[in-house]
Amino acid sequence: MTYKNLMLLCLSIFALVNLSSCGECDGECCKKLAQPTELKVAPQPWQPLYDDVMRVHDEVMPEMGKMKKLASDLDRYALKYSEKVDDAQKAEIESLKKQLKKGETAMWDWMHDFKQPVKEQEVEEVEQYLLKELDAISDVSELMKSGIKDAQSFLQTNGYY
C-alpha cells in the first residue's frame, strides 16, 4: 500500500467515525461523547497550603522583569553620571545590582527545586514539605522586594527618576 493510499484510508476512517452518529439518537449523544469530560477529583487536605505557596510565588514572579529593568537603570545611571559618580556610589550600585541578582537567582533556584505534591504521598509528609516551601518562597519574596525597594530608592534619591 502506498503512502498516499494509506493516508486516504486513515482520512476516510477518521471522517466515518466523526461524522456518523450511533443511530439511536439525533447525534446529540455522540457530540457529548466527543467532548472532554470534567474529572471530579476530591480536593486534597493539603490544597489550601499549596495554594498559599503558589499565591506567594505568583505575587512576586512578575517582579522578575522589574528587577532586570532596575539593574539596567543602575548601569545607565552610572554611565550617564559617570563624571560625578564617586567610588562609594560605584560600590553601592554594584551592591544593589548584586542584591537584585541574588533575588532573581533565588527565585529561579526555588522554582527549579520545587516539587509538585502528588496525591499518593502521605498527607503529613506533603504538609511538612509545603510548610518548608512556604517559608522558602516567602524568603525569596522578601529578598526580591528588598532589592527592588533599595534600587528604586537609590535611583529616586539620585535623581534618575
N, C-alpha and C. Protein backbone atom coordinates (compact mmCIF):
# COMPACT_ATOMS: atom_id res chain seq x y z
N MET A 1 0.86 -1.17 0.00
CA MET A 1 0.00 0.00 0.00
C MET A 1 0.90 1.23 0.00
N THR A 2 0.62 2.15 -0.87
CA THR A 2 1.42 3.37 -0.97
C THR A 2 1.07 4.33 0.16
N TYR A 3 1.94 5.26 0.38
CA TYR A 3 1.74 6.27 1.42
C TYR A 3 0.45 7.05 1.16
N LYS A 4 0.22 7.39 -0.10
CA LYS A 4 -0.97 8.16 -0.46
C LYS A 4 -2.24 7.38 -0.14
N ASN A 5 -2.25 6.10 -0.47
CA ASN A 5 -3.42 5.26 -0.19
C ASN A 5 -3.64 5.08 1.32
N LEU A 6 -2.54 4.95 2.05
CA LEU A 6 -2.64 4.80 3.49
C LEU A 6 -3.22 6.06 4.12
N MET A 7 -2.76 7.22 3.68
CA MET A 7 -3.29 8.48 4.20
C MET A 7 -4.76 8.64 3.85
N LEU A 8 -5.16 8.25 2.64
CA LEU A 8 -6.55 8.32 2.21
C LEU A 8 -7.43 7.41 3.06
N LEU A 9 -6.93 6.22 3.38
CA LEU A 9 -7.66 5.27 4.21
C LEU A 9 -7.83 5.83 5.63
N CYS A 10 -6.77 6.38 6.19
CA CYS A 10 -6.84 6.96 7.53
C CYS A 10 -7.82 8.12 7.58
N LEU A 11 -7.76 8.97 6.56
CA LEU A 11 -8.67 10.11 6.49
C LEU A 11 -10.12 9.65 6.37
N SER A 12 -10.35 8.61 5.59
CA SER A 12 -11.71 8.08 5.41
C SER A 12 -12.25 7.51 6.71
N ILE A 13 -11.43 6.76 7.43
CA ILE A 13 -11.85 6.17 8.70
C ILE A 13 -12.14 7.29 9.70
N PHE A 14 -11.28 8.27 9.75
CA PHE A 14 -11.49 9.41 10.66
C PHE A 14 -12.82 10.10 10.36
N ALA A 15 -13.08 10.37 9.09
CA ALA A 15 -14.32 11.05 8.70
C ALA A 15 -15.53 10.18 9.04
N LEU A 16 -15.46 8.90 8.78
CA LEU A 16 -16.57 7.99 9.05
C LEU A 16 -16.89 7.95 10.54
N VAL A 17 -15.88 7.85 11.36
CA VAL A 17 -16.08 7.79 12.81
C VAL A 17 -16.63 9.11 13.33
N ASN A 18 -16.11 10.22 12.87
CA ASN A 18 -16.51 11.52 13.40
C ASN A 18 -17.81 12.06 12.83
N LEU A 19 -18.22 11.61 11.68
CA LEU A 19 -19.42 12.16 11.06
C LEU A 19 -20.66 11.29 11.24
N SER A 20 -20.49 10.12 11.77
CA SER A 20 -21.66 9.26 11.95
C SER A 20 -22.12 9.29 13.39
N SER A 21 -23.41 9.12 13.59
CA SER A 21 -23.93 9.05 14.95
C SER A 21 -24.18 7.59 15.28
N CYS A 22 -24.61 7.36 16.50
CA CYS A 22 -24.81 5.98 16.94
C CYS A 22 -26.06 5.35 16.32
N GLY A 23 -26.93 6.16 15.67
CA GLY A 23 -28.13 5.64 15.04
C GLY A 23 -29.31 5.56 15.99
N GLU A 24 -29.11 5.81 17.26
CA GLU A 24 -30.18 5.73 18.24
C GLU A 24 -30.66 7.10 18.68
N CYS A 25 -30.08 8.14 18.13
CA CYS A 25 -30.48 9.49 18.52
C CYS A 25 -30.25 10.43 17.36
N ASP A 26 -30.43 11.69 17.61
CA ASP A 26 -30.23 12.69 16.56
C ASP A 26 -28.78 13.18 16.48
N GLY A 27 -27.87 12.47 17.10
CA GLY A 27 -26.46 12.82 17.08
C GLY A 27 -25.99 13.57 18.31
N GLU A 28 -26.90 14.04 19.16
CA GLU A 28 -26.53 14.80 20.36
C GLU A 28 -25.72 13.96 21.35
N CYS A 29 -26.09 12.70 21.51
CA CYS A 29 -25.35 11.87 22.47
C CYS A 29 -23.92 11.64 22.00
N CYS A 30 -23.73 11.55 20.71
CA CYS A 30 -22.38 11.35 20.18
C CYS A 30 -21.54 12.62 20.34
N LYS A 31 -22.20 13.78 20.21
CA LYS A 31 -21.48 15.03 20.42
C LYS A 31 -21.00 15.12 21.87
N LYS A 32 -21.84 14.68 22.80
CA LYS A 32 -21.46 14.71 24.20
C LYS A 32 -20.28 13.77 24.47
N LEU A 33 -20.26 12.63 23.80
CA LEU A 33 -19.15 11.70 23.98
C LEU A 33 -17.85 12.27 23.44
N ALA A 34 -17.95 13.09 22.42
CA ALA A 34 -16.74 13.65 21.81
C ALA A 34 -16.15 14.78 22.66
N GLN A 35 -16.95 15.36 23.55
CA GLN A 35 -16.46 16.44 24.38
C GLN A 35 -15.70 15.89 25.57
N PRO A 36 -14.65 16.57 26.00
CA PRO A 36 -13.92 16.08 27.17
C PRO A 36 -14.80 16.16 28.41
N THR A 37 -14.63 15.18 29.24
CA THR A 37 -15.41 15.18 30.49
C THR A 37 -14.57 15.79 31.59
N GLU A 38 -15.21 16.41 32.52
CA GLU A 38 -14.52 17.03 33.66
C GLU A 38 -14.34 15.96 34.72
N LEU A 39 -13.12 15.80 35.16
CA LEU A 39 -12.86 14.82 36.20
C LEU A 39 -13.27 15.38 37.55
N LYS A 40 -13.93 14.60 38.32
CA LYS A 40 -14.33 15.01 39.67
C LYS A 40 -13.29 14.43 40.63
N VAL A 41 -12.35 15.26 41.02
CA VAL A 41 -11.29 14.83 41.92
C VAL A 41 -11.50 15.54 43.26
N ALA A 42 -11.53 14.78 44.30
CA ALA A 42 -11.70 15.36 45.62
C ALA A 42 -10.48 16.21 45.96
N PRO A 43 -10.70 17.39 46.53
CA PRO A 43 -9.55 18.23 46.89
C PRO A 43 -8.70 17.53 47.96
N GLN A 44 -7.42 17.75 47.87
CA GLN A 44 -6.50 17.16 48.82
C GLN A 44 -6.51 17.97 50.11
N PRO A 45 -6.28 17.35 51.26
CA PRO A 45 -6.27 18.09 52.52
C PRO A 45 -5.21 19.19 52.57
N TRP A 46 -4.15 19.02 51.81
CA TRP A 46 -3.06 19.99 51.81
C TRP A 46 -3.25 21.09 50.76
N GLN A 47 -4.34 21.07 50.01
CA GLN A 47 -4.55 22.03 48.92
C GLN A 47 -4.49 23.49 49.38
N PRO A 48 -5.11 23.88 50.51
CA PRO A 48 -5.01 25.29 50.94
C PRO A 48 -3.56 25.73 51.19
N LEU A 49 -2.76 24.84 51.73
CA LEU A 49 -1.35 25.16 51.97
C LEU A 49 -0.60 25.31 50.64
N TYR A 50 -0.88 24.43 49.72
CA TYR A 50 -0.29 24.51 48.38
C TYR A 50 -0.69 25.84 47.73
N ASP A 51 -1.97 26.21 47.86
CA ASP A 51 -2.45 27.47 47.30
C ASP A 51 -1.72 28.66 47.90
N ASP A 52 -1.41 28.61 49.20
CA ASP A 52 -0.65 29.68 49.84
C ASP A 52 0.74 29.81 49.24
N VAL A 53 1.39 28.67 49.01
CA VAL A 53 2.73 28.67 48.41
C VAL A 53 2.67 29.31 47.02
N MET A 54 1.69 28.88 46.23
CA MET A 54 1.57 29.40 44.87
C MET A 54 1.17 30.88 44.85
N ARG A 55 0.38 31.30 45.82
CA ARG A 55 -0.01 32.71 45.91
C ARG A 55 1.22 33.60 46.11
N VAL A 56 2.11 33.19 47.02
CA VAL A 56 3.33 33.97 47.26
C VAL A 56 4.19 33.98 45.99
N HIS A 57 4.34 32.83 45.38
CA HIS A 57 5.11 32.75 44.13
C HIS A 57 4.51 33.65 43.06
N ASP A 58 3.19 33.53 42.85
CA ASP A 58 2.53 34.29 41.79
C ASP A 58 2.54 35.79 42.05
N GLU A 59 2.64 36.17 43.29
CA GLU A 59 2.69 37.59 43.65
C GLU A 59 4.03 38.21 43.24
N VAL A 60 5.12 37.49 43.44
CA VAL A 60 6.44 38.09 43.18
C VAL A 60 7.06 37.69 41.85
N MET A 61 6.59 36.63 41.24
CA MET A 61 7.18 36.21 39.96
C MET A 61 7.14 37.32 38.91
N PRO A 62 6.05 38.08 38.80
CA PRO A 62 6.03 39.16 37.80
C PRO A 62 7.08 40.25 38.06
N GLU A 63 7.63 40.30 39.25
CA GLU A 63 8.62 41.32 39.59
C GLU A 63 10.00 41.02 38.98
N MET A 64 10.16 39.85 38.40
CA MET A 64 11.46 39.50 37.81
C MET A 64 11.84 40.49 36.72
N GLY A 65 10.88 40.87 35.89
CA GLY A 65 11.16 41.85 34.83
C GLY A 65 11.55 43.20 35.40
N LYS A 66 10.89 43.60 36.47
CA LYS A 66 11.21 44.87 37.12
C LYS A 66 12.64 44.85 37.66
N MET A 67 13.05 43.69 38.17
CA MET A 67 14.40 43.58 38.72
C MET A 67 15.45 43.74 37.62
N LYS A 68 15.21 43.15 36.48
CA LYS A 68 16.14 43.29 35.35
C LYS A 68 16.20 44.74 34.88
N LYS A 69 15.04 45.39 34.82
CA LYS A 69 14.99 46.79 34.41
C LYS A 69 15.75 47.67 35.40
N LEU A 70 15.57 47.41 36.68
CA LEU A 70 16.28 48.21 37.68
C LEU A 70 17.79 48.04 37.57
N ALA A 71 18.24 46.82 37.32
CA ALA A 71 19.68 46.58 37.15
C ALA A 71 20.19 47.37 35.94
N SER A 72 19.42 47.38 34.86
CA SER A 72 19.79 48.17 33.68
C SER A 72 19.78 49.66 33.98
N ASP A 73 18.78 50.10 34.74
CA ASP A 73 18.70 51.51 35.12
C ASP A 73 19.91 51.91 35.96
N LEU A 74 20.35 51.03 36.83
CA LEU A 74 21.54 51.32 37.63
C LEU A 74 22.77 51.47 36.74
N ASP A 75 22.90 50.59 35.75
CA ASP A 75 24.01 50.70 34.79
C ASP A 75 23.92 52.01 34.01
N ARG A 76 22.72 52.35 33.55
CA ARG A 76 22.53 53.59 32.79
C ARG A 76 22.85 54.81 33.65
N TYR A 77 22.44 54.76 34.90
CA TYR A 77 22.74 55.86 35.81
C TYR A 77 24.26 56.04 35.92
N ALA A 78 24.96 54.93 36.13
CA ALA A 78 26.41 55.00 36.28
C ALA A 78 27.08 55.57 35.03
N LEU A 79 26.55 55.24 33.85
CA LEU A 79 27.10 55.77 32.60
C LEU A 79 26.75 57.25 32.41
N LYS A 80 25.49 57.57 32.65
CA LYS A 80 25.01 58.93 32.43
C LYS A 80 25.72 59.94 33.34
N TYR A 81 25.96 59.54 34.57
CA TYR A 81 26.56 60.45 35.55
C TYR A 81 27.97 60.00 35.93
N SER A 82 28.68 59.40 34.99
CA SER A 82 29.98 58.81 35.28
C SER A 82 30.98 59.79 35.88
N GLU A 83 30.91 61.07 35.46
CA GLU A 83 31.87 62.05 35.98
C GLU A 83 31.57 62.44 37.42
N LYS A 84 30.33 62.28 37.87
CA LYS A 84 30.03 62.67 39.25
C LYS A 84 29.84 61.47 40.19
N VAL A 85 29.88 60.24 39.65
CA VAL A 85 29.74 59.05 40.48
C VAL A 85 31.09 58.73 41.11
N ASP A 86 31.16 58.81 42.42
CA ASP A 86 32.42 58.52 43.12
C ASP A 86 32.53 57.01 43.41
N ASP A 87 33.64 56.64 44.01
CA ASP A 87 33.89 55.23 44.28
C ASP A 87 32.85 54.63 45.23
N ALA A 88 32.40 55.41 46.19
CA ALA A 88 31.40 54.91 47.14
C ALA A 88 30.08 54.61 46.42
N GLN A 89 29.69 55.50 45.50
CA GLN A 89 28.46 55.26 44.74
C GLN A 89 28.61 54.09 43.79
N LYS A 90 29.78 53.96 43.19
CA LYS A 90 30.03 52.81 42.31
C LYS A 90 29.88 51.51 43.10
N ALA A 91 30.42 51.50 44.30
CA ALA A 91 30.32 50.30 45.16
C ALA A 91 28.85 50.05 45.54
N GLU A 92 28.12 51.13 45.83
CA GLU A 92 26.70 50.98 46.18
C GLU A 92 25.90 50.44 44.99
N ILE A 93 26.18 50.95 43.80
CA ILE A 93 25.50 50.47 42.59
C ILE A 93 25.78 48.99 42.38
N GLU A 94 27.03 48.59 42.53
CA GLU A 94 27.38 47.17 42.37
C GLU A 94 26.69 46.31 43.43
N SER A 95 26.62 46.81 44.64
CA SER A 95 25.96 46.09 45.72
C SER A 95 24.46 45.93 45.43
N LEU A 96 23.84 46.99 44.93
CA LEU A 96 22.41 46.93 44.59
C LEU A 96 22.16 45.94 43.45
N LYS A 97 23.04 45.96 42.46
CA LYS A 97 22.90 45.01 41.34
C LYS A 97 23.06 43.57 41.82
N LYS A 98 23.99 43.35 42.74
CA LYS A 98 24.18 42.00 43.30
C LYS A 98 22.95 41.57 44.09
N GLN A 99 22.36 42.51 44.82
CA GLN A 99 21.16 42.22 45.60
C GLN A 99 20.01 41.82 44.66
N LEU A 100 19.85 42.54 43.56
CA LEU A 100 18.81 42.21 42.58
C LEU A 100 19.09 40.83 41.96
N LYS A 101 20.32 40.58 41.62
CA LYS A 101 20.69 39.29 41.02
C LYS A 101 20.47 38.14 42.00
N LYS A 102 20.78 38.40 43.26
CA LYS A 102 20.58 37.38 44.30
C LYS A 102 19.09 37.01 44.41
N GLY A 103 18.22 38.01 44.36
CA GLY A 103 16.78 37.75 44.40
C GLY A 103 16.31 36.97 43.19
N GLU A 104 16.81 37.35 42.02
CA GLU A 104 16.45 36.65 40.78
C GLU A 104 16.92 35.19 40.82
N THR A 105 18.16 35.00 41.23
CA THR A 105 18.72 33.64 41.31
C THR A 105 17.95 32.80 42.32
N ALA A 106 17.58 33.41 43.44
CA ALA A 106 16.82 32.68 44.46
C ALA A 106 15.48 32.21 43.91
N MET A 107 14.82 33.05 43.11
CA MET A 107 13.54 32.65 42.52
C MET A 107 13.73 31.50 41.54
N TRP A 108 14.72 31.60 40.66
CA TRP A 108 14.97 30.53 39.70
C TRP A 108 15.32 29.22 40.42
N ASP A 109 16.15 29.32 41.45
CA ASP A 109 16.52 28.12 42.21
C ASP A 109 15.30 27.51 42.89
N TRP A 110 14.46 28.36 43.49
CA TRP A 110 13.27 27.83 44.17
C TRP A 110 12.37 27.13 43.17
N MET A 111 12.14 27.76 42.02
CA MET A 111 11.26 27.14 41.02
C MET A 111 11.84 25.82 40.51
N HIS A 112 13.14 25.79 40.34
CA HIS A 112 13.79 24.57 39.87
C HIS A 112 13.67 23.44 40.89
N ASP A 113 13.79 23.78 42.16
CA ASP A 113 13.79 22.77 43.23
C ASP A 113 12.40 22.36 43.70
N PHE A 114 11.39 23.19 43.43
CA PHE A 114 10.04 22.91 43.93
C PHE A 114 9.47 21.67 43.25
N LYS A 115 8.95 20.77 44.06
CA LYS A 115 8.35 19.53 43.56
C LYS A 115 6.85 19.57 43.82
N GLN A 116 6.08 19.32 42.77
CA GLN A 116 4.62 19.26 42.92
C GLN A 116 4.26 18.07 43.80
N PRO A 117 3.42 18.28 44.81
CA PRO A 117 2.97 17.14 45.61
C PRO A 117 2.06 16.25 44.76
N VAL A 118 2.06 14.99 45.09
CA VAL A 118 1.18 14.04 44.40
C VAL A 118 0.26 13.40 45.44
N LYS A 119 -0.92 13.04 44.98
CA LYS A 119 -1.93 12.55 45.92
C LYS A 119 -1.53 11.23 46.59
N GLU A 120 -0.58 10.52 46.03
CA GLU A 120 -0.17 9.25 46.62
C GLU A 120 0.71 9.44 47.86
N GLN A 121 1.23 10.65 48.06
CA GLN A 121 2.09 10.91 49.21
C GLN A 121 1.26 11.02 50.48
N GLU A 122 1.89 10.75 51.58
CA GLU A 122 1.24 10.89 52.88
C GLU A 122 0.91 12.36 53.12
N VAL A 123 -0.27 12.62 53.66
CA VAL A 123 -0.73 13.99 53.88
C VAL A 123 0.25 14.75 54.78
N GLU A 124 0.68 14.14 55.87
CA GLU A 124 1.60 14.82 56.79
C GLU A 124 2.92 15.15 56.12
N GLU A 125 3.41 14.26 55.29
CA GLU A 125 4.66 14.49 54.56
C GLU A 125 4.51 15.68 53.61
N VAL A 126 3.41 15.74 52.90
CA VAL A 126 3.16 16.84 51.96
C VAL A 126 3.02 18.16 52.73
N GLU A 127 2.28 18.14 53.83
CA GLU A 127 2.08 19.36 54.61
C GLU A 127 3.41 19.89 55.15
N GLN A 128 4.27 19.00 55.64
CA GLN A 128 5.58 19.43 56.14
C GLN A 128 6.41 20.04 55.00
N TYR A 129 6.38 19.38 53.87
CA TYR A 129 7.11 19.87 52.70
C TYR A 129 6.59 21.25 52.29
N LEU A 130 5.27 21.41 52.22
CA LEU A 130 4.69 22.68 51.79
C LEU A 130 4.95 23.80 52.80
N LEU A 131 4.97 23.49 54.08
CA LEU A 131 5.33 24.50 55.09
C LEU A 131 6.76 24.98 54.89
N LYS A 132 7.65 24.04 54.61
CA LYS A 132 9.05 24.39 54.34
C LYS A 132 9.14 25.24 53.08
N GLU A 133 8.38 24.88 52.06
CA GLU A 133 8.41 25.63 50.80
C GLU A 133 7.76 27.01 50.95
N LEU A 134 6.75 27.11 51.81
CA LEU A 134 6.13 28.41 52.07
C LEU A 134 7.15 29.35 52.72
N ASP A 135 7.92 28.83 53.67
CA ASP A 135 8.98 29.63 54.28
C ASP A 135 10.02 30.03 53.24
N ALA A 136 10.39 29.07 52.39
CA ALA A 136 11.43 29.34 51.39
C ALA A 136 10.98 30.39 50.38
N ILE A 137 9.76 30.25 49.85
CA ILE A 137 9.31 31.22 48.85
C ILE A 137 9.03 32.57 49.50
N SER A 138 8.66 32.58 50.77
CA SER A 138 8.49 33.85 51.49
C SER A 138 9.82 34.57 51.64
N ASP A 139 10.88 33.81 51.91
CA ASP A 139 12.23 34.39 51.98
C ASP A 139 12.64 34.96 50.62
N VAL A 140 12.34 34.23 49.55
CA VAL A 140 12.64 34.71 48.20
C VAL A 140 11.88 36.01 47.93
N SER A 141 10.62 36.02 48.32
CA SER A 141 9.78 37.20 48.13
C SER A 141 10.39 38.41 48.83
N GLU A 142 10.77 38.24 50.07
CA GLU A 142 11.36 39.35 50.83
C GLU A 142 12.67 39.82 50.21
N LEU A 143 13.48 38.87 49.75
CA LEU A 143 14.74 39.21 49.11
C LEU A 143 14.50 40.04 47.84
N MET A 144 13.54 39.61 47.04
CA MET A 144 13.23 40.33 45.81
C MET A 144 12.66 41.72 46.10
N LYS A 145 11.71 41.80 47.01
CA LYS A 145 11.08 43.08 47.34
C LYS A 145 12.10 44.06 47.94
N SER A 146 12.99 43.55 48.76
CA SER A 146 14.02 44.38 49.36
C SER A 146 14.96 44.94 48.29
N GLY A 147 15.38 44.08 47.37
CA GLY A 147 16.26 44.53 46.28
C GLY A 147 15.60 45.59 45.42
N ILE A 148 14.32 45.37 45.11
CA ILE A 148 13.57 46.34 44.30
C ILE A 148 13.46 47.67 45.02
N LYS A 149 13.08 47.61 46.28
CA LYS A 149 12.89 48.83 47.08
C LYS A 149 14.20 49.61 47.18
N ASP A 150 15.29 48.92 47.47
CA ASP A 150 16.58 49.59 47.64
C ASP A 150 17.07 50.21 46.33
N ALA A 151 16.91 49.49 45.22
CA ALA A 151 17.35 50.03 43.93
C ALA A 151 16.50 51.23 43.52
N GLN A 152 15.18 51.12 43.70
CA GLN A 152 14.31 52.26 43.37
C GLN A 152 14.65 53.48 44.23
N SER A 153 14.86 53.23 45.49
CA SER A 153 15.19 54.32 46.41
C SER A 153 16.48 55.03 45.98
N PHE A 154 17.51 54.25 45.63
CA PHE A 154 18.77 54.84 45.17
C PHE A 154 18.55 55.69 43.95
N LEU A 155 17.84 55.16 42.97
CA LEU A 155 17.64 55.87 41.71
C LEU A 155 16.79 57.13 41.91
N GLN A 156 15.80 57.05 42.77
CA GLN A 156 14.97 58.24 43.04
C GLN A 156 15.75 59.29 43.82
N THR A 157 16.49 58.86 44.82
CA THR A 157 17.28 59.78 45.64
C THR A 157 18.33 60.51 44.79
N ASN A 158 18.86 59.82 43.81
CA ASN A 158 19.93 60.41 42.98
C ASN A 158 19.42 61.03 41.69
N GLY A 159 18.10 61.24 41.61
CA GLY A 159 17.53 61.99 40.50
C GLY A 159 17.43 61.28 39.18
N TYR A 160 17.52 59.96 39.16
CA TYR A 160 17.41 59.25 37.88
C TYR A 160 15.96 59.19 37.43
N TYR A 161 15.04 59.10 38.38
CA TYR A 161 13.61 59.06 38.03
C TYR A 161 13.01 60.42 38.24
